[in-house]
Amino acid sequence: MTQGPLTLPGWGAVPALLGVVASVVGLLLLPWVSVEQGTLSFLDLTGMPTDNLFTMPDMYVAWLAFVALALQPLYPLPWTLGAVRTQKVANLMQGWPRTQLTHATFTRFRLVFGTSAFAGTIIHGLGIVTLYDGAFELAGAGPWVLLAGTVLTTVGAVVGPRKGPGLPPA
């Protein structure tokens, strides 16, 4: 049996890293509302009073966007950077203890990590759609850069790492 890690850093790390950086920049640095009177950042929106923290736009601005942003790199970055060294790490990362990472299941792992990354795109997309409520002409660059970043992260997770020398055939 060959020795070595199960995965090695691959080309998927490039879009995953760029996506995480773009998402942070889009959420925290770029304007979210652009009108003739000026611009508002996402952090400005968090300081505005809300009526009900149980509606999607209010939850998104108050806390959900930050949680989704923090969770975005959790799976894709270690996966694409080749951090899966053993079967135990593979099981911990993907959550199914009886599924071994092999040449035969490699595509399945790519899809699992890609799906988890795509969940962030869905959360941010729903938050943005409900926040603007159809008035997308008010949107600045922030939400669009954030969404592009989540899509890049998803692409990186699907591309994934390279197969390492310790990856069993089946």
N, C-alpha and C. Protein backbone atom coordinates (compact mmCIF):
# COMPACT_ATOMS: atom_id res chain seq x y z
N MET A 1 0.84 -1.18 0.00
CA MET A 1 0.00 0.00 0.00
C MET A 1 0.89 1.24 0.00
N THR A 2 0.56 2.21 -0.83
CA THR A 2 1.36 3.42 -0.93
C THR A 2 1.12 4.31 0.27
N GLN A 3 2.12 5.07 0.61
CA GLN A 3 2.06 5.98 1.75
C GLN A 3 1.92 7.41 1.25
N GLY A 4 1.42 8.27 2.10
CA GLY A 4 1.31 9.68 1.76
C GLY A 4 -0.09 10.20 2.01
N PRO A 5 -0.27 11.46 1.75
CA PRO A 5 -1.59 12.07 1.99
C PRO A 5 -2.61 11.61 0.95
N LEU A 6 -3.88 11.71 1.31
CA LEU A 6 -4.94 11.35 0.38
C LEU A 6 -5.15 12.42 -0.67
N THR A 7 -4.94 13.68 -0.31
CA THR A 7 -5.11 14.79 -1.25
C THR A 7 -3.92 15.72 -1.18
N LEU A 8 -3.72 16.43 -2.27
CA LEU A 8 -2.68 17.45 -2.37
C LEU A 8 -3.33 18.74 -2.85
N PRO A 9 -2.72 19.89 -2.59
CA PRO A 9 -3.31 21.14 -3.09
C PRO A 9 -3.52 21.06 -4.60
N GLY A 10 -4.67 21.57 -5.03
CA GLY A 10 -5.00 21.52 -6.45
C GLY A 10 -5.43 22.88 -6.97
N TRP A 11 -5.82 22.89 -8.25
CA TRP A 11 -6.24 24.13 -8.89
C TRP A 11 -7.51 24.69 -8.28
N GLY A 12 -8.29 23.88 -7.61
CA GLY A 12 -9.50 24.36 -6.96
C GLY A 12 -9.23 25.36 -5.85
N ALA A 13 -7.99 25.35 -5.33
CA ALA A 13 -7.66 26.30 -4.26
C ALA A 13 -7.65 27.74 -4.77
N VAL A 14 -7.33 27.94 -6.03
CA VAL A 14 -7.26 29.31 -6.57
C VAL A 14 -8.62 29.99 -6.55
N PRO A 15 -9.66 29.41 -7.20
CA PRO A 15 -10.96 30.08 -7.11
C PRO A 15 -11.54 30.08 -5.70
N ALA A 16 -11.25 29.06 -4.91
CA ALA A 16 -11.78 29.03 -3.54
C ALA A 16 -11.20 30.18 -2.71
N LEU A 17 -9.89 30.38 -2.79
CA LEU A 17 -9.27 31.49 -2.06
C LEU A 17 -9.74 32.84 -2.58
N LEU A 18 -9.78 33.00 -3.91
CA LEU A 18 -10.28 34.26 -4.49
C LEU A 18 -11.72 34.51 -4.10
N GLY A 19 -12.52 33.47 -4.05
CA GLY A 19 -13.92 33.60 -3.66
C GLY A 19 -14.10 34.04 -2.23
N VAL A 20 -13.31 33.49 -1.33
CA VAL A 20 -13.40 33.89 0.08
C VAL A 20 -12.99 35.35 0.24
N VAL A 21 -11.91 35.75 -0.42
CA VAL A 21 -11.46 37.15 -0.35
C VAL A 21 -12.51 38.08 -0.95
N ALA A 22 -13.06 37.73 -2.10
CA ALA A 22 -14.09 38.57 -2.74
C ALA A 22 -15.32 38.68 -1.85
N SER A 23 -15.70 37.61 -1.18
CA SER A 23 -16.87 37.64 -0.31
C SER A 23 -16.65 38.58 0.88
N VAL A 24 -15.48 38.51 1.47
CA VAL A 24 -15.18 39.40 2.60
C VAL A 24 -15.18 40.86 2.13
N VAL A 25 -14.54 41.13 1.01
CA VAL A 25 -14.50 42.49 0.47
C VAL A 25 -15.91 42.96 0.14
N GLY A 26 -16.70 42.11 -0.50
CA GLY A 26 -18.06 42.48 -0.88
C GLY A 26 -18.95 42.78 0.31
N LEU A 27 -18.81 41.99 1.36
CA LEU A 27 -19.67 42.19 2.52
C LEU A 27 -19.21 43.35 3.39
N LEU A 28 -17.92 43.48 3.60
CA LEU A 28 -17.45 44.42 4.60
C LEU A 28 -16.88 45.74 4.05
N LEU A 29 -16.44 45.78 2.81
CA LEU A 29 -15.75 46.97 2.34
C LEU A 29 -16.47 47.76 1.25
N LEU A 30 -17.24 47.09 0.43
CA LEU A 30 -17.88 47.78 -0.70
C LEU A 30 -19.26 48.31 -0.32
N PRO A 31 -19.74 49.33 -1.04
CA PRO A 31 -21.07 49.87 -0.73
C PRO A 31 -22.18 48.89 -1.11
N TRP A 32 -23.22 48.87 -0.29
CA TRP A 32 -24.37 48.02 -0.53
C TRP A 32 -25.57 48.79 -1.06
N VAL A 33 -25.62 50.07 -0.76
CA VAL A 33 -26.70 50.92 -1.27
C VAL A 33 -26.04 52.13 -1.90
N SER A 34 -26.39 52.40 -3.15
CA SER A 34 -25.85 53.57 -3.85
C SER A 34 -27.02 54.40 -4.37
N VAL A 35 -27.16 55.60 -3.84
CA VAL A 35 -28.18 56.54 -4.28
C VAL A 35 -27.49 57.88 -4.50
N GLU A 36 -28.22 58.84 -5.04
CA GLU A 36 -27.63 60.15 -5.32
C GLU A 36 -27.10 60.83 -4.06
N GLN A 37 -27.73 60.57 -2.93
CA GLN A 37 -27.30 61.20 -1.68
C GLN A 37 -26.04 60.57 -1.09
N GLY A 38 -25.64 59.41 -1.55
CA GLY A 38 -24.43 58.76 -1.04
C GLY A 38 -24.57 57.25 -1.07
N THR A 39 -23.71 56.60 -0.31
CA THR A 39 -23.69 55.15 -0.27
C THR A 39 -23.78 54.67 1.18
N LEU A 40 -24.21 53.44 1.33
CA LEU A 40 -24.24 52.77 2.63
C LEU A 40 -23.52 51.45 2.51
N SER A 41 -22.71 51.14 3.50
CA SER A 41 -22.05 49.83 3.53
C SER A 41 -22.97 48.84 4.24
N PHE A 42 -22.59 47.58 4.20
CA PHE A 42 -23.39 46.57 4.90
C PHE A 42 -23.37 46.83 6.39
N LEU A 43 -22.24 47.27 6.91
CA LEU A 43 -22.17 47.57 8.35
C LEU A 43 -23.07 48.73 8.72
N ASP A 44 -23.28 49.68 7.81
CA ASP A 44 -24.26 50.74 8.05
C ASP A 44 -25.67 50.17 8.13
N LEU A 45 -25.95 49.18 7.32
CA LEU A 45 -27.28 48.57 7.35
C LEU A 45 -27.53 47.83 8.65
N THR A 46 -26.49 47.26 9.25
CA THR A 46 -26.67 46.52 10.50
C THR A 46 -27.04 47.46 11.65
N GLY A 47 -26.68 48.73 11.55
CA GLY A 47 -27.00 49.68 12.60
C GLY A 47 -28.38 50.28 12.50
N MET A 48 -29.11 49.98 11.44
CA MET A 48 -30.46 50.52 11.28
C MET A 48 -31.44 49.73 12.12
N PRO A 49 -32.43 50.42 12.69
CA PRO A 49 -33.42 49.71 13.51
C PRO A 49 -34.28 48.78 12.66
N THR A 50 -34.67 47.66 13.25
CA THR A 50 -35.52 46.70 12.55
C THR A 50 -36.77 46.45 13.36
N ASP A 51 -37.81 46.05 12.66
CA ASP A 51 -39.09 45.78 13.32
C ASP A 51 -39.17 44.36 13.85
N ASN A 52 -38.66 43.42 13.08
CA ASN A 52 -38.85 42.02 13.40
C ASN A 52 -37.63 41.23 12.97
N LEU A 53 -36.92 40.67 13.93
CA LEU A 53 -35.71 39.90 13.60
C LEU A 53 -36.03 38.49 13.12
N PHE A 54 -37.30 38.20 12.85
CA PHE A 54 -37.67 36.88 12.36
C PHE A 54 -38.02 36.89 10.88
N THR A 55 -37.77 37.98 10.19
CA THR A 55 -37.95 38.02 8.74
C THR A 55 -36.58 37.88 8.09
N MET A 56 -36.56 37.36 6.89
CA MET A 56 -35.28 37.08 6.22
C MET A 56 -34.41 38.32 6.06
N PRO A 57 -34.92 39.47 5.60
CA PRO A 57 -34.01 40.61 5.44
C PRO A 57 -33.41 41.07 6.77
N ASP A 58 -34.20 41.06 7.82
CA ASP A 58 -33.69 41.49 9.12
C ASP A 58 -32.70 40.49 9.70
N MET A 59 -33.00 39.19 9.57
CA MET A 59 -32.06 38.17 10.04
C MET A 59 -30.76 38.24 9.25
N TYR A 60 -30.88 38.44 7.94
CA TYR A 60 -29.69 38.48 7.09
C TYR A 60 -28.78 39.64 7.50
N VAL A 61 -29.36 40.80 7.71
CA VAL A 61 -28.55 41.97 8.08
C VAL A 61 -28.03 41.86 9.50
N ALA A 62 -28.84 41.34 10.41
CA ALA A 62 -28.45 41.30 11.82
C ALA A 62 -27.36 40.26 12.10
N TRP A 63 -27.49 39.04 11.53
CA TRP A 63 -26.52 38.01 11.90
C TRP A 63 -26.27 36.95 10.84
N LEU A 64 -27.24 36.64 10.00
CA LEU A 64 -27.10 35.51 9.08
C LEU A 64 -25.98 35.71 8.05
N ALA A 65 -25.81 36.92 7.55
CA ALA A 65 -24.74 37.18 6.57
C ALA A 65 -23.37 36.92 7.18
N PHE A 66 -23.20 37.29 8.45
CA PHE A 66 -21.90 37.09 9.10
C PHE A 66 -21.64 35.60 9.37
N VAL A 67 -22.68 34.88 9.76
CA VAL A 67 -22.53 33.43 9.99
C VAL A 67 -22.19 32.73 8.67
N ALA A 68 -22.92 33.07 7.61
CA ALA A 68 -22.65 32.45 6.30
C ALA A 68 -21.25 32.80 5.81
N LEU A 69 -20.81 34.03 6.04
CA LEU A 69 -19.46 34.43 5.64
C LEU A 69 -18.40 33.67 6.44
N ALA A 70 -18.64 33.47 7.72
CA ALA A 70 -17.68 32.74 8.55
C ALA A 70 -17.62 31.26 8.18
N LEU A 71 -18.75 30.68 7.79
CA LEU A 71 -18.79 29.26 7.44
C LEU A 71 -18.31 28.99 6.02
N GLN A 72 -18.30 30.01 5.17
CA GLN A 72 -17.95 29.82 3.76
C GLN A 72 -16.60 29.13 3.56
N PRO A 73 -15.54 29.54 4.24
CA PRO A 73 -14.26 28.87 3.99
C PRO A 73 -14.06 27.58 4.78
N LEU A 74 -15.00 27.22 5.64
CA LEU A 74 -14.81 26.09 6.55
C LEU A 74 -14.53 24.78 5.82
N TYR A 75 -15.29 24.45 4.80
CA TYR A 75 -15.07 23.21 4.06
C TYR A 75 -14.23 23.39 2.81
N PRO A 76 -14.53 24.37 1.96
CA PRO A 76 -13.81 24.43 0.69
C PRO A 76 -12.31 24.65 0.81
N LEU A 77 -11.88 25.50 1.74
CA LEU A 77 -10.44 25.78 1.80
C LEU A 77 -9.61 24.58 2.24
N PRO A 78 -9.93 23.91 3.35
CA PRO A 78 -9.13 22.73 3.69
C PRO A 78 -9.19 21.66 2.61
N TRP A 79 -10.35 21.49 2.00
CA TRP A 79 -10.51 20.49 0.94
C TRP A 79 -9.62 20.82 -0.25
N THR A 80 -9.71 22.04 -0.77
CA THR A 80 -8.95 22.40 -1.97
C THR A 80 -7.46 22.56 -1.69
N LEU A 81 -7.11 22.88 -0.47
CA LEU A 81 -5.69 23.03 -0.12
C LEU A 81 -5.02 21.70 0.21
N GLY A 82 -5.74 20.60 0.06
CA GLY A 82 -5.15 19.28 0.25
C GLY A 82 -4.94 18.89 1.69
N ALA A 83 -5.83 19.33 2.59
CA ALA A 83 -5.67 19.04 4.01
C ALA A 83 -6.16 17.65 4.41
N VAL A 84 -6.72 16.91 3.48
CA VAL A 84 -7.19 15.56 3.80
C VAL A 84 -6.00 14.62 3.72
N ARG A 85 -5.46 14.31 4.87
CA ARG A 85 -4.26 13.47 4.93
C ARG A 85 -4.57 12.02 5.25
N THR A 86 -5.64 11.79 6.00
CA THR A 86 -5.99 10.43 6.42
C THR A 86 -7.49 10.21 6.23
N GLN A 87 -7.91 8.95 6.32
CA GLN A 87 -9.33 8.64 6.22
C GLN A 87 -10.11 9.23 7.39
N LYS A 88 -9.48 9.30 8.54
CA LYS A 88 -10.15 9.89 9.71
C LYS A 88 -10.48 11.36 9.45
N VAL A 89 -9.55 12.10 8.88
CA VAL A 89 -9.79 13.51 8.54
C VAL A 89 -10.87 13.61 7.48
N ALA A 90 -10.85 12.74 6.49
CA ALA A 90 -11.88 12.74 5.44
C ALA A 90 -13.26 12.52 6.05
N ASN A 91 -13.36 11.59 6.98
CA ASN A 91 -14.64 11.31 7.62
C ASN A 91 -15.11 12.48 8.47
N LEU A 92 -14.20 13.11 9.19
CA LEU A 92 -14.56 14.27 10.01
C LEU A 92 -15.02 15.44 9.15
N MET A 93 -14.35 15.67 8.04
CA MET A 93 -14.66 16.82 7.20
C MET A 93 -15.99 16.67 6.49
N GLN A 94 -16.32 15.49 6.02
CA GLN A 94 -17.54 15.34 5.24
C GLN A 94 -18.70 14.80 6.05
N GLY A 95 -18.49 14.30 7.25
CA GLY A 95 -19.58 13.95 8.15
C GLY A 95 -20.19 12.57 8.01
N TRP A 96 -19.75 11.77 7.06
CA TRP A 96 -20.27 10.42 6.91
C TRP A 96 -19.16 9.45 7.28
N PRO A 97 -19.19 8.90 8.48
CA PRO A 97 -18.05 8.11 8.97
C PRO A 97 -17.79 6.82 8.21
N ARG A 98 -18.73 6.32 7.44
CA ARG A 98 -18.51 5.04 6.76
C ARG A 98 -18.12 5.19 5.31
N THR A 99 -17.97 6.40 4.83
CA THR A 99 -17.58 6.62 3.45
C THR A 99 -16.09 6.91 3.40
N GLN A 100 -15.36 6.05 2.73
CA GLN A 100 -13.91 6.22 2.61
C GLN A 100 -13.60 7.05 1.37
N LEU A 101 -12.59 7.89 1.47
CA LEU A 101 -12.12 8.66 0.33
C LEU A 101 -11.18 7.77 -0.48
N THR A 102 -11.61 7.43 -1.69
CA THR A 102 -10.83 6.59 -2.59
C THR A 102 -10.91 7.21 -3.99
N HIS A 103 -10.19 6.61 -4.93
CA HIS A 103 -10.31 7.05 -6.32
C HIS A 103 -11.76 6.94 -6.79
N ALA A 104 -12.44 5.89 -6.35
CA ALA A 104 -13.81 5.65 -6.79
C ALA A 104 -14.80 6.66 -6.19
N THR A 105 -14.54 7.16 -4.98
CA THR A 105 -15.47 8.08 -4.32
C THR A 105 -15.02 9.54 -4.40
N PHE A 106 -13.96 9.80 -5.12
CA PHE A 106 -13.40 11.16 -5.18
C PHE A 106 -14.42 12.16 -5.74
N THR A 107 -15.12 11.79 -6.79
CA THR A 107 -16.13 12.68 -7.38
C THR A 107 -17.26 12.94 -6.39
N ARG A 108 -17.64 11.93 -5.64
CA ARG A 108 -18.68 12.11 -4.62
C ARG A 108 -18.24 13.14 -3.59
N PHE A 109 -16.99 13.08 -3.16
CA PHE A 109 -16.48 14.05 -2.20
C PHE A 109 -16.48 15.46 -2.80
N ARG A 110 -16.12 15.57 -4.07
CA ARG A 110 -16.17 16.88 -4.73
C ARG A 110 -17.58 17.44 -4.71
N LEU A 111 -18.54 16.60 -4.98
CA LEU A 111 -19.93 17.06 -4.97
C LEU A 111 -20.42 17.42 -3.57
N VAL A 112 -20.00 16.68 -2.57
CA VAL A 112 -20.38 16.99 -1.18
C VAL A 112 -19.83 18.36 -0.78
N PHE A 113 -18.55 18.58 -1.04
CA PHE A 113 -17.96 19.86 -0.68
C PHE A 113 -18.49 21.00 -1.54
N GLY A 114 -18.75 20.73 -2.81
CA GLY A 114 -19.35 21.75 -3.68
C GLY A 114 -20.76 22.12 -3.24
N THR A 115 -21.53 21.14 -2.81
CA THR A 115 -22.89 21.40 -2.33
C THR A 115 -22.87 22.22 -1.05
N SER A 116 -21.96 21.91 -0.15
CA SER A 116 -21.89 22.70 1.09
C SER A 116 -21.47 24.13 0.78
N ALA A 117 -20.59 24.33 -0.18
CA ALA A 117 -20.20 25.69 -0.55
C ALA A 117 -21.36 26.40 -1.24
N PHE A 118 -22.13 25.67 -2.05
CA PHE A 118 -23.27 26.27 -2.74
C PHE A 118 -24.36 26.71 -1.77
N ALA A 119 -24.44 26.07 -0.62
CA ALA A 119 -25.42 26.48 0.40
C ALA A 119 -25.18 27.93 0.82
N GLY A 120 -23.93 28.35 0.90
CA GLY A 120 -23.62 29.75 1.21
C GLY A 120 -24.11 30.69 0.12
N THR A 121 -24.00 30.27 -1.13
CA THR A 121 -24.51 31.08 -2.24
C THR A 121 -26.02 31.25 -2.11
N ILE A 122 -26.71 30.18 -1.76
CA ILE A 122 -28.16 30.23 -1.61
C ILE A 122 -28.54 31.18 -0.46
N ILE A 123 -27.86 31.06 0.67
CA ILE A 123 -28.18 31.92 1.82
C ILE A 123 -27.97 33.38 1.47
N HIS A 124 -26.82 33.70 0.89
CA HIS A 124 -26.55 35.09 0.53
C HIS A 124 -27.51 35.56 -0.57
N GLY A 125 -27.78 34.71 -1.53
CA GLY A 125 -28.70 35.09 -2.61
C GLY A 125 -30.09 35.41 -2.08
N LEU A 126 -30.61 34.55 -1.20
CA LEU A 126 -31.93 34.80 -0.61
C LEU A 126 -31.92 36.07 0.24
N GLY A 127 -30.85 36.26 0.99
CA GLY A 127 -30.75 37.47 1.80
C GLY A 127 -30.75 38.72 0.96
N ILE A 128 -30.02 38.70 -0.14
CA ILE A 128 -29.94 39.88 -1.01
C ILE A 128 -31.27 40.13 -1.71
N VAL A 129 -31.89 39.07 -2.22
CA VAL A 129 -33.18 39.23 -2.91
C VAL A 129 -34.23 39.80 -1.97
N THR A 130 -34.29 39.29 -0.75
CA THR A 130 -35.30 39.79 0.18
C THR A 130 -34.94 41.17 0.73
N LEU A 131 -33.66 41.46 0.83
CA LEU A 131 -33.24 42.77 1.34
C LEU A 131 -33.63 43.88 0.37
N TYR A 132 -33.40 43.68 -0.91
CA TYR A 132 -33.71 44.71 -1.90
C TYR A 132 -35.16 44.66 -2.37
N ASP A 133 -35.83 43.56 -2.18
CA ASP A 133 -37.25 43.42 -2.51
C ASP A 133 -37.55 43.93 -3.92
N GLY A 134 -36.69 43.57 -4.87
CA GLY A 134 -36.91 43.95 -6.27
C GLY A 134 -36.31 45.27 -6.69
N ALA A 135 -35.86 46.08 -5.75
CA ALA A 135 -35.28 47.39 -6.07
C ALA A 135 -33.77 47.27 -6.22
N PHE A 136 -33.34 46.46 -7.18
CA PHE A 136 -31.91 46.19 -7.35
C PHE A 136 -31.14 47.39 -7.90
N GLU A 137 -31.83 48.39 -8.41
CA GLU A 137 -31.15 49.59 -8.88
C GLU A 137 -30.51 50.36 -7.73
N LEU A 138 -30.91 50.08 -6.49
CA LEU A 138 -30.30 50.72 -5.32
C LEU A 138 -29.02 50.02 -4.89
N ALA A 139 -28.82 48.81 -5.38
CA ALA A 139 -27.68 48.00 -4.94
C ALA A 139 -26.36 48.56 -5.43
N GLY A 140 -25.40 48.60 -4.52
CA GLY A 140 -24.04 48.98 -4.89
C GLY A 140 -23.29 47.74 -5.36
N ALA A 141 -21.99 47.82 -5.35
CA ALA A 141 -21.16 46.70 -5.82
C ALA A 141 -21.05 45.57 -4.80
N GLY A 142 -21.26 45.86 -3.54
CA GLY A 142 -21.06 44.88 -2.47
C GLY A 142 -21.79 43.57 -2.63
N PRO A 143 -23.12 43.59 -2.80
CA PRO A 143 -23.82 42.30 -2.90
C PRO A 143 -23.41 41.47 -4.11
N TRP A 144 -23.08 42.14 -5.21
CA TRP A 144 -22.71 41.41 -6.42
C TRP A 144 -21.32 40.80 -6.29
N VAL A 145 -20.41 41.50 -5.67
CA VAL A 145 -19.07 40.94 -5.43
C VAL A 145 -19.16 39.79 -4.44
N LEU A 146 -20.00 39.93 -3.43
CA LEU A 146 -20.21 38.86 -2.46
C LEU A 146 -20.75 37.61 -3.15
N LEU A 147 -21.77 37.76 -3.98
CA LEU A 147 -22.32 36.60 -4.69
C LEU A 147 -21.30 35.98 -5.64
N ALA A 148 -20.55 36.81 -6.34
CA ALA A 148 -19.51 36.28 -7.23
C ALA A 148 -18.47 35.50 -6.42
N GLY A 149 -18.14 35.99 -5.24
CA GLY A 149 -17.20 35.28 -4.37
C GLY A 149 -17.72 33.92 -3.93
N THR A 150 -19.00 33.85 -3.60
CA THR A 150 -19.55 32.55 -3.19
C THR A 150 -19.60 31.57 -4.36
N VAL A 151 -19.85 32.08 -5.55
CA VAL A 151 -19.84 31.21 -6.74
C VAL A 151 -18.42 30.71 -7.00
N LEU A 152 -17.42 31.60 -6.89
CA LEU A 152 -16.03 31.17 -7.07
C LEU A 152 -15.64 30.11 -6.04
N THR A 153 -16.06 30.29 -4.80
CA THR A 153 -15.76 29.30 -3.77
C THR A 153 -16.40 27.96 -4.10
N THR A 154 -17.62 27.99 -4.61
CA THR A 154 -18.29 26.75 -5.01
C THR A 154 -17.55 26.07 -6.14
N VAL A 155 -17.13 26.84 -7.13
CA VAL A 155 -16.37 26.28 -8.26
C VAL A 155 -15.07 25.65 -7.74
N GLY A 156 -14.39 26.34 -6.85
CA GLY A 156 -13.16 25.80 -6.28
C GLY A 156 -13.39 24.49 -5.53
N ALA A 157 -14.49 24.41 -4.79
CA ALA A 157 -14.79 23.19 -4.05
C ALA A 157 -15.11 22.03 -4.99
N VAL A 158 -15.79 22.31 -6.09
CA VAL A 158 -16.11 21.25 -7.04
C VAL A 158 -14.86 20.79 -7.78
N VAL A 159 -13.99 21.73 -8.16
CA VAL A 159 -12.73 21.35 -8.80
C VAL A 159 -11.89 20.53 -7.82
N GLY A 160 -11.82 20.99 -6.58
CA GLY A 160 -11.19 20.23 -5.51
C GLY A 160 -9.69 20.14 -5.58
N PRO A 161 -9.14 19.24 -4.75
CA PRO A 161 -7.70 19.05 -4.70
C PRO A 161 -7.24 18.01 -5.74
N ARG A 162 -5.96 17.79 -5.76
CA ARG A 162 -5.40 16.69 -6.57
C ARG A 162 -5.43 15.42 -5.73
N LYS A 163 -5.43 14.31 -6.40
CA LYS A 163 -5.38 13.03 -5.71
C LYS A 163 -3.96 12.79 -5.22
N GLY A 164 -3.86 12.44 -3.95
CA GLY A 164 -2.56 12.23 -3.35
C GLY A 164 -2.06 10.81 -3.55
N PRO A 165 -0.79 10.57 -3.22
CA PRO A 165 -0.21 9.25 -3.41
C PRO A 165 -0.77 8.19 -2.47
N GLY A 166 -1.37 8.60 -1.36
CA GLY A 166 -1.93 7.63 -0.41
C GLY A 166 -3.37 7.29 -0.66
N LEU A 167 -3.97 7.82 -1.72
CA LEU A 167 -5.38 7.57 -2.01
C LEU A 167 -5.57 6.15 -2.50
N PRO A 168 -6.36 5.34 -1.77
CA PRO A 168 -6.56 3.96 -2.22
C PRO A 168 -7.43 3.90 -3.47
N PRO A 169 -7.26 2.85 -4.28
CA PRO A 169 -8.02 2.74 -5.53
C PRO A 169 -9.52 2.54 -5.32
N ALA A 170 -9.91 1.78 -4.31
CA ALA A 170 -11.35 1.54 -4.09
C ALA A 170 -11.63 1.18 -2.66
